[in-house]
Amino acid sequence: MPAPQPSLAKAAIGAPALPTSTRLDFLTDPCTLANQDYGCSSLRVVWQETDPSDVTIRIYAFTGCLHTPSASKPNANCLEDGDTIPTASLLLLGTAPASDRSFSFALASGGEGTQLGRMPGNGPAVQAVVLQAVNSKGGSSFAIAATSTSCYGCVL
């Protein structure tokens, strides 16, 4: 279940750098959620942080989709570098010390569609996973660990 939502850390002098080398891995580990009616997936997000001392990584589920495929752009990522992410579309999955370099979590299976999964308890579809490095001074921009994609005219 998502944790209480903190206010977003704002960019400031002395805030940590953007996490790099981010990715999302689907694991083969057994998955456990309170309600497994739809199955679930074990996932791990991975990152690098330039100076991890006193830095926490916040891991968010992004539940919106900012780009729709069209005939002129047949493939579209729901989230792209440089997008302004609406805060109402972010749900905190958890936090970890930057020095851990990874965080594991579970999502309910997404069913049909291109989403990465669903929030537990029949929650919203997760279209992307983003990371923010935070310290006492502020936060970095968001780094995209994974985003769902869709294509124009595709049939499931």
N, C-alpha and C. Protein backbone atom coordinates (compact mmCIF):
# COMPACT_ATOMS: atom_id res chain seq x y z
N MET A 1 0.84 -1.18 0.00
CA MET A 1 0.00 0.00 0.00
C MET A 1 0.88 1.24 0.00
N PRO A 2 0.44 2.30 -0.69
CA PRO A 2 1.26 3.49 -0.70
C PRO A 2 1.31 4.14 0.68
N ALA A 3 2.45 4.74 0.96
CA ALA A 3 2.66 5.43 2.23
C ALA A 3 1.98 6.80 2.18
N PRO A 4 1.84 7.47 3.32
CA PRO A 4 1.31 8.83 3.29
C PRO A 4 2.15 9.68 2.33
N GLN A 5 1.48 10.57 1.63
CA GLN A 5 2.15 11.34 0.59
C GLN A 5 2.86 12.55 1.18
N PRO A 6 4.19 12.61 1.05
CA PRO A 6 4.91 13.80 1.52
C PRO A 6 4.75 14.92 0.51
N SER A 7 5.00 16.14 0.95
CA SER A 7 5.02 17.22 -0.03
C SER A 7 6.26 17.00 -0.89
N LEU A 8 6.19 17.40 -2.14
CA LEU A 8 7.32 17.18 -3.03
C LEU A 8 8.48 18.08 -2.62
N ALA A 9 9.68 17.54 -2.66
CA ALA A 9 10.87 18.31 -2.36
C ALA A 9 11.18 19.21 -3.56
N LYS A 10 11.37 20.47 -3.31
CA LYS A 10 11.64 21.44 -4.37
C LYS A 10 13.14 21.54 -4.66
N ALA A 11 13.47 21.91 -5.88
CA ALA A 11 14.87 22.13 -6.26
C ALA A 11 15.42 23.30 -5.46
N ALA A 12 16.66 23.20 -5.04
CA ALA A 12 17.31 24.26 -4.26
C ALA A 12 18.82 24.08 -4.33
N ILE A 13 19.54 25.14 -4.01
CA ILE A 13 21.00 25.05 -3.93
C ILE A 13 21.35 24.03 -2.85
N GLY A 14 22.20 23.08 -3.19
CA GLY A 14 22.60 22.03 -2.27
C GLY A 14 21.74 20.79 -2.33
N ALA A 15 20.69 20.81 -3.16
CA ALA A 15 19.86 19.62 -3.33
C ALA A 15 20.67 18.57 -4.10
N PRO A 16 20.36 17.30 -3.92
CA PRO A 16 21.13 16.25 -4.60
C PRO A 16 20.93 16.23 -6.11
N ALA A 17 21.87 15.59 -6.77
CA ALA A 17 21.80 15.44 -8.22
C ALA A 17 20.72 14.44 -8.60
N LEU A 18 20.32 14.52 -9.83
CA LEU A 18 19.34 13.58 -10.41
C LEU A 18 19.90 12.16 -10.34
N PRO A 19 19.13 11.18 -9.86
CA PRO A 19 19.61 9.79 -9.91
C PRO A 19 19.85 9.38 -11.36
N THR A 20 20.89 8.58 -11.58
CA THR A 20 21.23 8.14 -12.94
C THR A 20 21.17 6.61 -13.01
N SER A 21 21.35 6.10 -14.22
CA SER A 21 21.35 4.65 -14.47
C SER A 21 20.14 3.97 -13.85
N THR A 22 18.99 4.61 -13.99
CA THR A 22 17.76 4.07 -13.40
C THR A 22 17.16 3.00 -14.30
N ARG A 23 16.54 2.02 -13.66
CA ARG A 23 15.83 0.98 -14.42
C ARG A 23 14.85 0.29 -13.48
N LEU A 24 13.91 -0.41 -14.08
CA LEU A 24 12.94 -1.19 -13.33
C LEU A 24 13.07 -2.63 -13.78
N ASP A 25 13.27 -3.54 -12.83
CA ASP A 25 13.40 -4.96 -13.13
C ASP A 25 12.17 -5.70 -12.63
N PHE A 26 11.62 -6.58 -13.47
CA PHE A 26 10.57 -7.50 -13.04
C PHE A 26 11.28 -8.74 -12.52
N LEU A 27 11.03 -9.10 -11.27
CA LEU A 27 11.74 -10.19 -10.62
C LEU A 27 10.97 -11.50 -10.72
N THR A 28 11.66 -12.59 -10.53
CA THR A 28 11.02 -13.90 -10.53
C THR A 28 10.64 -14.33 -9.12
N ASP A 29 10.94 -13.48 -8.13
CA ASP A 29 10.60 -13.79 -6.74
C ASP A 29 9.10 -13.96 -6.58
N PRO A 30 8.68 -14.79 -5.63
CA PRO A 30 7.24 -14.90 -5.37
C PRO A 30 6.72 -13.55 -4.90
N CYS A 31 5.51 -13.25 -5.28
CA CYS A 31 4.92 -11.96 -4.96
C CYS A 31 3.82 -12.17 -3.94
N THR A 32 3.77 -11.31 -2.94
CA THR A 32 2.71 -11.39 -1.95
C THR A 32 2.07 -10.02 -1.76
N LEU A 33 0.79 -9.98 -1.95
CA LEU A 33 -0.03 -8.80 -1.65
C LEU A 33 -1.22 -9.30 -0.84
N ALA A 34 -1.85 -8.41 -0.11
CA ALA A 34 -2.99 -8.80 0.72
C ALA A 34 -4.11 -9.39 -0.14
N ASN A 35 -4.38 -8.81 -1.30
CA ASN A 35 -5.44 -9.30 -2.17
C ASN A 35 -4.82 -9.69 -3.50
N GLN A 36 -4.69 -10.98 -3.77
CA GLN A 36 -4.05 -11.43 -4.99
C GLN A 36 -5.05 -11.93 -6.02
N ASP A 37 -6.28 -11.42 -5.98
CA ASP A 37 -7.30 -11.86 -6.93
C ASP A 37 -6.82 -11.73 -8.37
N TYR A 38 -6.01 -10.73 -8.65
CA TYR A 38 -5.56 -10.48 -10.02
C TYR A 38 -4.09 -10.82 -10.21
N GLY A 39 -3.47 -11.43 -9.21
CA GLY A 39 -2.05 -11.73 -9.31
C GLY A 39 -1.21 -10.50 -9.02
N CYS A 40 0.09 -10.69 -8.97
CA CYS A 40 0.96 -9.54 -8.72
C CYS A 40 2.35 -9.80 -9.27
N SER A 41 3.11 -8.72 -9.31
CA SER A 41 4.48 -8.78 -9.81
C SER A 41 5.42 -8.20 -8.77
N SER A 42 6.56 -8.85 -8.57
CA SER A 42 7.63 -8.31 -7.72
C SER A 42 8.54 -7.49 -8.62
N LEU A 43 8.83 -6.28 -8.19
CA LEU A 43 9.67 -5.38 -8.98
C LEU A 43 10.79 -4.79 -8.14
N ARG A 44 11.83 -4.37 -8.81
CA ARG A 44 12.94 -3.69 -8.13
C ARG A 44 13.36 -2.52 -9.01
N VAL A 45 13.43 -1.34 -8.40
CA VAL A 45 13.95 -0.17 -9.09
C VAL A 45 15.40 0.01 -8.65
N VAL A 46 16.26 0.38 -9.59
CA VAL A 46 17.70 0.49 -9.35
C VAL A 46 18.16 1.88 -9.80
N TRP A 47 19.17 2.43 -9.11
CA TRP A 47 19.69 3.76 -9.44
C TRP A 47 21.14 3.90 -9.01
N GLN A 48 21.75 4.97 -9.47
CA GLN A 48 23.07 5.42 -9.01
C GLN A 48 22.89 6.86 -8.52
N GLU A 49 23.61 7.22 -7.49
CA GLU A 49 23.57 8.59 -6.96
C GLU A 49 25.00 9.04 -6.79
N THR A 50 25.30 10.24 -7.31
CA THR A 50 26.67 10.76 -7.30
C THR A 50 27.26 10.81 -5.90
N ASP A 51 26.54 11.41 -4.96
CA ASP A 51 27.01 11.52 -3.58
C ASP A 51 25.87 11.08 -2.66
N PRO A 52 25.81 9.78 -2.35
CA PRO A 52 24.65 9.25 -1.62
C PRO A 52 24.57 9.61 -0.14
N SER A 53 25.62 10.22 0.43
CA SER A 53 25.57 10.50 1.87
C SER A 53 24.44 11.48 2.18
N ASP A 54 23.63 11.11 3.17
CA ASP A 54 22.49 11.92 3.63
C ASP A 54 21.44 12.18 2.55
N VAL A 55 21.36 11.30 1.56
CA VAL A 55 20.36 11.43 0.48
C VAL A 55 19.40 10.24 0.56
N THR A 56 18.13 10.55 0.43
CA THR A 56 17.07 9.54 0.38
C THR A 56 16.48 9.55 -1.02
N ILE A 57 16.17 8.37 -1.53
CA ILE A 57 15.50 8.26 -2.82
C ILE A 57 14.02 7.99 -2.55
N ARG A 58 13.17 8.81 -3.15
CA ARG A 58 11.72 8.59 -3.10
C ARG A 58 11.32 7.92 -4.40
N ILE A 59 10.56 6.85 -4.27
CA ILE A 59 10.11 6.09 -5.43
C ILE A 59 8.60 6.32 -5.58
N TYR A 60 8.20 6.83 -6.74
CA TYR A 60 6.80 7.17 -6.98
C TYR A 60 6.23 6.35 -8.13
N ALA A 61 4.95 6.01 -8.00
CA ALA A 61 4.17 5.48 -9.11
C ALA A 61 3.52 6.68 -9.79
N PHE A 62 3.61 6.75 -11.10
CA PHE A 62 2.95 7.78 -11.89
C PHE A 62 1.71 7.14 -12.50
N THR A 63 0.54 7.71 -12.21
CA THR A 63 -0.72 7.07 -12.60
C THR A 63 -1.41 7.76 -13.77
N GLY A 64 -0.74 8.71 -14.39
CA GLY A 64 -1.32 9.38 -15.56
C GLY A 64 -0.64 8.91 -16.83
N CYS A 65 -1.03 9.50 -17.92
CA CYS A 65 -0.36 9.27 -19.19
C CYS A 65 -0.42 10.59 -19.95
N LEU A 66 0.75 11.16 -20.24
CA LEU A 66 0.80 12.49 -20.83
C LEU A 66 0.86 12.50 -22.35
N HIS A 67 1.09 11.34 -22.98
CA HIS A 67 1.25 11.29 -24.43
C HIS A 67 0.38 10.20 -25.03
N THR A 68 -0.36 10.56 -26.04
CA THR A 68 -1.25 9.63 -26.74
C THR A 68 -0.69 9.38 -28.13
N PRO A 69 -0.60 8.12 -28.55
CA PRO A 69 -0.10 7.85 -29.90
C PRO A 69 -1.09 8.37 -30.94
N SER A 70 -0.56 8.69 -32.10
CA SER A 70 -1.38 9.17 -33.22
C SER A 70 -0.81 8.58 -34.50
N ALA A 71 -1.50 8.82 -35.62
CA ALA A 71 -1.01 8.32 -36.90
C ALA A 71 0.37 8.89 -37.23
N SER A 72 0.60 10.16 -36.84
CA SER A 72 1.90 10.78 -37.14
C SER A 72 2.98 10.38 -36.14
N LYS A 73 2.59 9.97 -34.93
CA LYS A 73 3.54 9.47 -33.92
C LYS A 73 2.95 8.18 -33.37
N PRO A 74 3.16 7.05 -34.09
CA PRO A 74 2.46 5.81 -33.76
C PRO A 74 2.85 5.18 -32.42
N ASN A 75 4.03 5.45 -31.91
CA ASN A 75 4.46 4.91 -30.62
C ASN A 75 4.66 6.06 -29.65
N ALA A 76 4.13 5.92 -28.45
CA ALA A 76 4.23 7.00 -27.47
C ALA A 76 4.51 6.43 -26.09
N ASN A 77 5.45 7.06 -25.39
CA ASN A 77 5.68 6.76 -23.98
C ASN A 77 4.71 7.62 -23.18
N CYS A 78 4.17 7.09 -22.10
CA CYS A 78 3.26 7.88 -21.27
C CYS A 78 3.98 9.05 -20.60
N LEU A 79 5.27 8.90 -20.39
CA LEU A 79 6.05 9.94 -19.73
C LEU A 79 7.40 10.02 -20.43
N GLU A 80 7.86 11.26 -20.68
CA GLU A 80 9.14 11.47 -21.35
C GLU A 80 9.98 12.46 -20.56
N ASP A 81 11.30 12.38 -20.72
CA ASP A 81 12.19 13.34 -20.07
C ASP A 81 11.73 14.75 -20.40
N GLY A 82 11.72 15.62 -19.40
CA GLY A 82 11.34 17.01 -19.60
C GLY A 82 9.87 17.29 -19.36
N ASP A 83 9.04 16.26 -19.23
CA ASP A 83 7.62 16.47 -18.95
C ASP A 83 7.43 17.09 -17.56
N THR A 84 6.42 17.92 -17.42
CA THR A 84 6.00 18.41 -16.12
C THR A 84 5.01 17.40 -15.56
N ILE A 85 5.35 16.80 -14.45
CA ILE A 85 4.54 15.73 -13.89
C ILE A 85 3.51 16.32 -12.93
N PRO A 86 2.23 16.09 -13.19
CA PRO A 86 1.21 16.58 -12.25
C PRO A 86 1.33 15.85 -10.91
N THR A 87 1.44 16.60 -9.83
CA THR A 87 1.63 15.98 -8.51
C THR A 87 0.45 15.08 -8.12
N ALA A 88 -0.74 15.38 -8.62
CA ALA A 88 -1.90 14.54 -8.31
C ALA A 88 -1.77 13.14 -8.91
N SER A 89 -0.86 12.96 -9.87
CA SER A 89 -0.66 11.66 -10.52
C SER A 89 0.49 10.87 -9.91
N LEU A 90 1.02 11.32 -8.78
CA LEU A 90 2.14 10.63 -8.12
C LEU A 90 1.67 9.99 -6.82
N LEU A 91 2.03 8.74 -6.64
CA LEU A 91 1.78 8.03 -5.39
C LEU A 91 3.10 7.48 -4.89
N LEU A 92 3.45 7.80 -3.66
CA LEU A 92 4.71 7.33 -3.09
C LEU A 92 4.66 5.83 -2.85
N LEU A 93 5.56 5.11 -3.49
CA LEU A 93 5.68 3.66 -3.27
C LEU A 93 6.56 3.37 -2.06
N GLY A 94 7.55 4.23 -1.81
CA GLY A 94 8.44 4.04 -0.67
C GLY A 94 9.68 4.89 -0.79
N THR A 95 10.55 4.76 0.19
CA THR A 95 11.81 5.50 0.22
C THR A 95 12.94 4.54 0.60
N ALA A 96 14.15 4.91 0.22
CA ALA A 96 15.33 4.12 0.58
C ALA A 96 16.53 5.04 0.63
N PRO A 97 17.51 4.73 1.48
CA PRO A 97 18.75 5.50 1.44
C PRO A 97 19.37 5.39 0.04
N ALA A 98 19.91 6.48 -0.47
CA ALA A 98 20.50 6.46 -1.81
C ALA A 98 21.60 5.42 -1.92
N SER A 99 22.31 5.18 -0.83
CA SER A 99 23.40 4.20 -0.85
C SER A 99 22.91 2.76 -1.04
N ASP A 100 21.61 2.49 -0.83
CA ASP A 100 21.06 1.15 -1.06
C ASP A 100 21.05 0.80 -2.54
N ARG A 101 20.92 1.80 -3.40
CA ARG A 101 20.93 1.65 -4.86
C ARG A 101 19.80 0.79 -5.43
N SER A 102 18.83 0.38 -4.60
CA SER A 102 17.67 -0.34 -5.12
C SER A 102 16.55 -0.33 -4.08
N PHE A 103 15.35 -0.61 -4.57
CA PHE A 103 14.16 -0.68 -3.72
C PHE A 103 13.22 -1.68 -4.37
N SER A 104 12.72 -2.62 -3.59
CA SER A 104 11.80 -3.64 -4.12
C SER A 104 10.38 -3.37 -3.64
N PHE A 105 9.40 -3.69 -4.49
CA PHE A 105 8.00 -3.48 -4.17
C PHE A 105 7.16 -4.39 -5.04
N ALA A 106 5.87 -4.43 -4.78
CA ALA A 106 4.96 -5.27 -5.55
C ALA A 106 3.84 -4.42 -6.13
N LEU A 107 3.40 -4.79 -7.31
CA LEU A 107 2.22 -4.19 -7.93
C LEU A 107 1.26 -5.32 -8.30
N ALA A 108 -0.02 -5.02 -8.24
CA ALA A 108 -1.00 -5.98 -8.73
C ALA A 108 -0.84 -6.08 -10.24
N SER A 109 -1.13 -7.23 -10.80
CA SER A 109 -1.02 -7.41 -12.25
C SER A 109 -1.93 -6.42 -12.95
N GLY A 110 -1.48 -5.96 -14.10
CA GLY A 110 -2.20 -4.91 -14.81
C GLY A 110 -3.35 -5.39 -15.67
N GLY A 111 -3.43 -6.68 -15.93
CA GLY A 111 -4.47 -7.17 -16.83
C GLY A 111 -4.16 -6.74 -18.25
N GLU A 112 -5.20 -6.53 -19.05
CA GLU A 112 -4.99 -6.09 -20.43
C GLU A 112 -4.58 -4.63 -20.44
N GLY A 113 -3.69 -4.30 -21.32
CA GLY A 113 -3.22 -2.92 -21.42
C GLY A 113 -1.72 -2.86 -21.32
N THR A 114 -1.20 -1.66 -21.38
CA THR A 114 0.24 -1.50 -21.41
C THR A 114 0.82 -1.02 -20.09
N GLN A 115 0.00 -0.79 -19.09
CA GLN A 115 0.50 -0.29 -17.81
C GLN A 115 1.50 -1.27 -17.19
N LEU A 116 2.31 -0.75 -16.27
CA LEU A 116 3.31 -1.57 -15.59
C LEU A 116 2.67 -2.48 -14.54
N GLY A 117 1.50 -2.13 -14.09
CA GLY A 117 0.78 -2.87 -13.06
C GLY A 117 -0.27 -1.94 -12.47
N ARG A 118 -0.85 -2.37 -11.36
CA ARG A 118 -1.85 -1.55 -10.66
C ARG A 118 -1.43 -1.43 -9.20
N MET A 119 -1.84 -0.34 -8.59
CA MET A 119 -1.61 -0.19 -7.17
C MET A 119 -2.43 -1.28 -6.47
N PRO A 120 -1.91 -1.82 -5.36
CA PRO A 120 -2.63 -2.86 -4.63
C PRO A 120 -4.05 -2.41 -4.24
N GLY A 121 -4.92 -3.38 -4.02
CA GLY A 121 -6.29 -3.07 -3.62
C GLY A 121 -7.13 -2.53 -4.75
N ASN A 122 -6.87 -2.99 -5.97
CA ASN A 122 -7.58 -2.51 -7.16
C ASN A 122 -7.40 -1.02 -7.36
N GLY A 123 -6.21 -0.53 -7.06
CA GLY A 123 -5.89 0.88 -7.21
C GLY A 123 -5.68 1.27 -8.65
N PRO A 124 -5.24 2.50 -8.87
CA PRO A 124 -5.06 2.99 -10.23
C PRO A 124 -3.92 2.28 -10.97
N ALA A 125 -3.99 2.35 -12.29
CA ALA A 125 -2.94 1.78 -13.13
C ALA A 125 -1.67 2.61 -12.97
N VAL A 126 -0.54 1.92 -12.92
CA VAL A 126 0.77 2.57 -12.83
C VAL A 126 1.34 2.63 -14.24
N GLN A 127 1.51 3.84 -14.75
CA GLN A 127 2.01 4.04 -16.11
C GLN A 127 3.52 4.25 -16.15
N ALA A 128 4.11 4.67 -15.02
CA ALA A 128 5.55 4.89 -14.97
C ALA A 128 6.00 4.82 -13.51
N VAL A 129 7.30 4.61 -13.33
CA VAL A 129 7.93 4.68 -12.01
C VAL A 129 9.02 5.73 -12.11
N VAL A 130 8.97 6.72 -11.21
CA VAL A 130 9.94 7.81 -11.22
C VAL A 130 10.61 7.91 -9.86
N LEU A 131 11.82 8.47 -9.87
CA LEU A 131 12.62 8.61 -8.65
C LEU A 131 12.98 10.06 -8.43
N GLN A 132 13.09 10.44 -7.16
CA GLN A 132 13.58 11.77 -6.80
C GLN A 132 14.57 11.61 -5.66
N ALA A 133 15.75 12.22 -5.80
CA ALA A 133 16.75 12.24 -4.74
C ALA A 133 16.45 13.45 -3.85
N VAL A 134 16.44 13.22 -2.53
CA VAL A 134 16.05 14.27 -1.58
C VAL A 134 17.06 14.32 -0.44
N ASN A 135 17.41 15.55 -0.03
CA ASN A 135 18.19 15.74 1.20
C ASN A 135 17.56 16.90 1.98
N SER A 136 18.22 17.37 3.02
CA SER A 136 17.66 18.42 3.86
C SER A 136 17.52 19.76 3.13
N LYS A 137 18.19 19.91 2.00
CA LYS A 137 18.14 21.17 1.25
C LYS A 137 17.01 21.20 0.21
N GLY A 138 16.64 20.03 -0.31
CA GLY A 138 15.61 19.98 -1.35
C GLY A 138 15.68 18.68 -2.13
N GLY A 139 15.15 18.73 -3.34
CA GLY A 139 15.09 17.51 -4.15
C GLY A 139 15.56 17.73 -5.57
N SER A 140 15.92 16.64 -6.20
CA SER A 140 16.32 16.66 -7.61
C SER A 140 15.08 16.71 -8.49
N SER A 141 15.30 16.78 -9.78
CA SER A 141 14.22 16.56 -10.73
C SER A 141 13.86 15.09 -10.65
N PHE A 142 12.85 14.68 -11.42
CA PHE A 142 12.46 13.27 -11.44
C PHE A 142 13.23 12.52 -12.51
N ALA A 143 13.67 11.33 -12.17
CA ALA A 143 14.30 10.42 -13.12
C ALA A 143 13.31 9.31 -13.43
N ILE A 144 13.14 8.99 -14.68
CA ILE A 144 12.21 7.94 -15.08
C ILE A 144 12.93 6.59 -15.04
N ALA A 145 12.43 5.68 -14.22
CA ALA A 145 12.99 4.33 -14.17
C ALA A 145 12.35 3.45 -15.23
N ALA A 146 11.06 3.66 -15.49
CA ALA A 146 10.34 2.90 -16.51
C ALA A 146 9.05 3.63 -16.84
N THR A 147 8.62 3.50 -18.08
CA THR A 147 7.34 4.07 -18.49
C THR A 147 6.63 3.10 -19.42
N SER A 148 5.32 3.11 -19.36
CA SER A 148 4.56 2.28 -20.29
C SER A 148 4.52 2.96 -21.65
N THR A 149 4.26 2.18 -22.66
CA THR A 149 4.16 2.70 -24.01
C THR A 149 2.86 2.23 -24.64
N SER A 150 2.42 2.94 -25.60
CA SER A 150 1.23 2.51 -26.35
C SER A 150 1.47 2.80 -27.83
N CYS A 151 0.70 2.16 -28.66
CA CYS A 151 0.89 2.36 -30.09
C CYS A 151 -0.44 2.62 -30.77
N TYR A 152 -0.38 3.40 -31.79
CA TYR A 152 -1.57 3.80 -32.54
C TYR A 152 -2.07 2.62 -33.36
N GLY A 153 -3.33 2.29 -33.20
CA GLY A 153 -3.93 1.22 -33.99
C GLY A 153 -3.60 -0.19 -33.55
N CYS A 154 -2.90 -0.35 -32.44
CA CYS A 154 -2.56 -1.70 -31.97
C CYS A 154 -3.79 -2.36 -31.38
N VAL A 155 -3.84 -3.66 -31.47
CA VAL A 155 -4.92 -4.44 -30.89
C VAL A 155 -4.30 -5.41 -29.89
N LEU A 156 -4.91 -5.49 -28.72
CA LEU A 156 -4.38 -6.43 -27.69
C LEU A 156 -4.83 -7.83 -28.00
